[in-house]
Amino acid sequence: MSSQDIAYQISIVEERVNRLMERRELRLEVASQASPRRDLLRKALASALKVPVENVYIRNVLSSYGSQVCTCTAHVYDDAARGKAIEPKHIQMRNLSREERKQASAPAGASS
């Protein structure tokens, strides 16, 4: 089974609306066989909430040894530009796939 075939069972434990930041702050429980990858979890959450993937940022993923359920924190913005302006750069980088991360961190003009 490849990492693309992993199914996540996502349940929202807590949802808060932060009108000042124009976002929803979610606490999730995610059940999966392995620890979820942020980029795949981000896509799964975006499709479950029916919002563009650019509006979703996974803040943290906490798992316990031997458990198949992990706790996550996510921010879902009303507007992608607002999320890009507010979320720290390291969180934005963590939410990219490995290929996108390599492209973003490569110096301008360098080819691989």
Protein backbone atom coordinates (compact mmCIF):
# COMPACT_ATOMS: atom_id res chain seq x y z
CA MET A 1 0.00 0.00 0.00
CA SER A 2 1.51 3.32 -1.03
CA SER A 3 1.22 6.51 0.98
CA GLN A 4 -1.33 7.80 -1.55
CA ASP A 5 -3.72 4.95 -0.66
CA ILE A 6 -3.82 5.67 3.09
CA ALA A 7 -7.32 6.43 4.34
CA TYR A 8 -7.71 8.74 7.30
CA GLN A 9 -10.75 8.64 9.54
CA ILE A 10 -11.05 12.23 10.71
CA SER A 11 -13.31 13.27 13.56
CA ILE A 12 -13.60 16.86 14.77
CA VAL A 13 -13.30 17.02 18.56
CA GLU A 14 -13.53 20.79 18.94
CA GLU A 15 -14.23 23.65 16.55
CA ARG A 16 -13.81 27.32 17.42
CA VAL A 17 -14.49 30.27 15.15
CA ASN A 18 -11.92 33.05 15.41
CA ARG A 19 -13.52 36.02 13.64
CA LEU A 20 -10.55 38.31 14.25
CA MET A 21 -8.21 36.00 12.33
CA GLU A 22 -10.96 34.96 9.89
CA ARG A 23 -10.43 31.25 10.52
CA ARG A 24 -11.79 28.15 12.19
CA GLU A 25 -9.53 26.46 14.73
CA LEU A 26 -10.05 22.71 14.81
CA ARG A 27 -8.88 19.96 17.14
CA LEU A 28 -9.08 16.61 15.38
CA GLU A 29 -8.63 12.94 16.08
CA VAL A 30 -7.26 11.02 13.12
CA ALA A 31 -7.29 7.23 12.96
CA SER A 32 -4.84 5.59 10.57
CA GLN A 33 -2.43 2.67 10.42
CA ALA A 34 0.64 4.93 10.46
CA SER A 35 1.31 8.48 11.59
CA PRO A 36 -0.34 10.76 9.04
CA ARG A 37 1.72 12.87 6.67
CA ARG A 38 0.78 16.52 6.95
CA ASP A 39 0.35 17.10 3.23
CA LEU A 40 -1.97 14.10 2.81
CA LEU A 41 -3.87 14.94 6.00
CA ARG A 42 -4.28 18.51 4.76
CA LYS A 43 -5.81 17.28 1.49
CA ALA A 44 -8.10 14.83 3.30
CA LEU A 45 -9.31 17.50 5.72
CA ALA A 46 -9.88 19.99 2.90
CA SER A 47 -12.00 17.50 0.97
CA ALA A 48 -13.95 16.54 4.11
CA LEU A 49 -14.72 20.20 4.87
CA LYS A 50 -15.25 21.04 1.17
CA VAL A 51 -12.77 23.94 1.19
CA PRO A 52 -9.73 24.59 -1.02
CA VAL A 53 -6.56 22.90 0.22
CA GLU A 54 -4.77 26.30 0.24
CA ASN A 55 -7.06 27.42 3.09
CA VAL A 56 -6.07 24.55 5.43
CA TYR A 57 -2.96 24.43 7.63
CA ILE A 58 -2.11 21.52 9.93
CA ARG A 59 -0.46 23.09 12.97
CA ASN A 60 0.63 19.97 14.86
CA VAL A 61 0.22 16.21 14.94
CA LEU A 62 0.62 14.39 18.26
CA SER A 63 0.65 10.62 18.44
CA SER A 64 1.20 8.20 21.29
CA TYR A 65 3.30 5.06 21.11
CA GLY A 66 1.22 2.05 20.11
CA SER A 67 -1.89 4.06 19.37
CA GLN A 68 -3.50 4.30 15.94
CA VAL A 69 -5.21 7.57 16.83
CA CYS A 70 -3.40 10.90 16.84
CA THR A 71 -4.54 14.36 17.89
CA CYS A 72 -4.09 17.23 15.45
CA THR A 73 -4.64 20.96 15.45
CA ALA A 74 -5.64 22.68 12.21
CA HIS A 75 -6.54 26.18 11.07
CA VAL A 76 -9.03 26.63 8.23
CA TYR A 77 -9.03 30.14 6.79
CA ASP A 78 -11.87 31.87 4.96
CA ASP A 79 -9.36 33.18 2.40
CA ALA A 80 -6.07 31.60 1.23
CA ALA A 81 -4.29 34.98 1.16
CA ARG A 82 -5.23 35.60 4.79
CA GLY A 83 -3.80 32.24 5.82
CA LYS A 84 -0.58 32.86 3.91
CA ALA A 85 -0.18 36.22 5.64
CA ILE A 86 -0.86 34.92 9.17
CA GLU A 87 0.67 31.43 9.35
CA PRO A 88 4.41 31.33 10.10
CA LYS A 89 6.69 30.33 7.23
CA HIS A 90 7.83 27.12 8.94
CA ILE A 91 4.20 25.96 9.25
CA GLN A 92 3.60 26.78 5.59
CA MET A 93 6.69 24.73 4.63
CA ARG A 94 5.63 21.77 6.78
CA ASN A 95 2.26 21.65 5.02
CA LEU A 96 3.84 21.21 1.58
CA SER A 97 4.61 17.86 0.00
CA ARG A 98 8.26 16.77 -0.14
CA GLU A 99 8.59 17.76 -3.79
CA GLU A 100 7.03 21.19 -3.21
CA ARG A 101 9.28 21.71 -0.19
CA LYS A 102 12.39 20.97 -2.27
CA GLN A 103 11.28 23.44 -4.94
CA ALA A 104 10.50 26.13 -2.38
CA SER A 105 13.83 25.76 -0.56
CA ALA A 106 15.95 25.57 -3.74
CA PRO A 107 17.78 28.82 -4.47
CA ALA A 108 16.44 30.86 -7.38
CA GLY A 109 18.13 30.01 -10.66
CA ALA A 110 19.47 26.66 -9.44
CA SER A 111 18.41 23.54 -11.29
CA SER A 112 18.49 20.00 -9.95
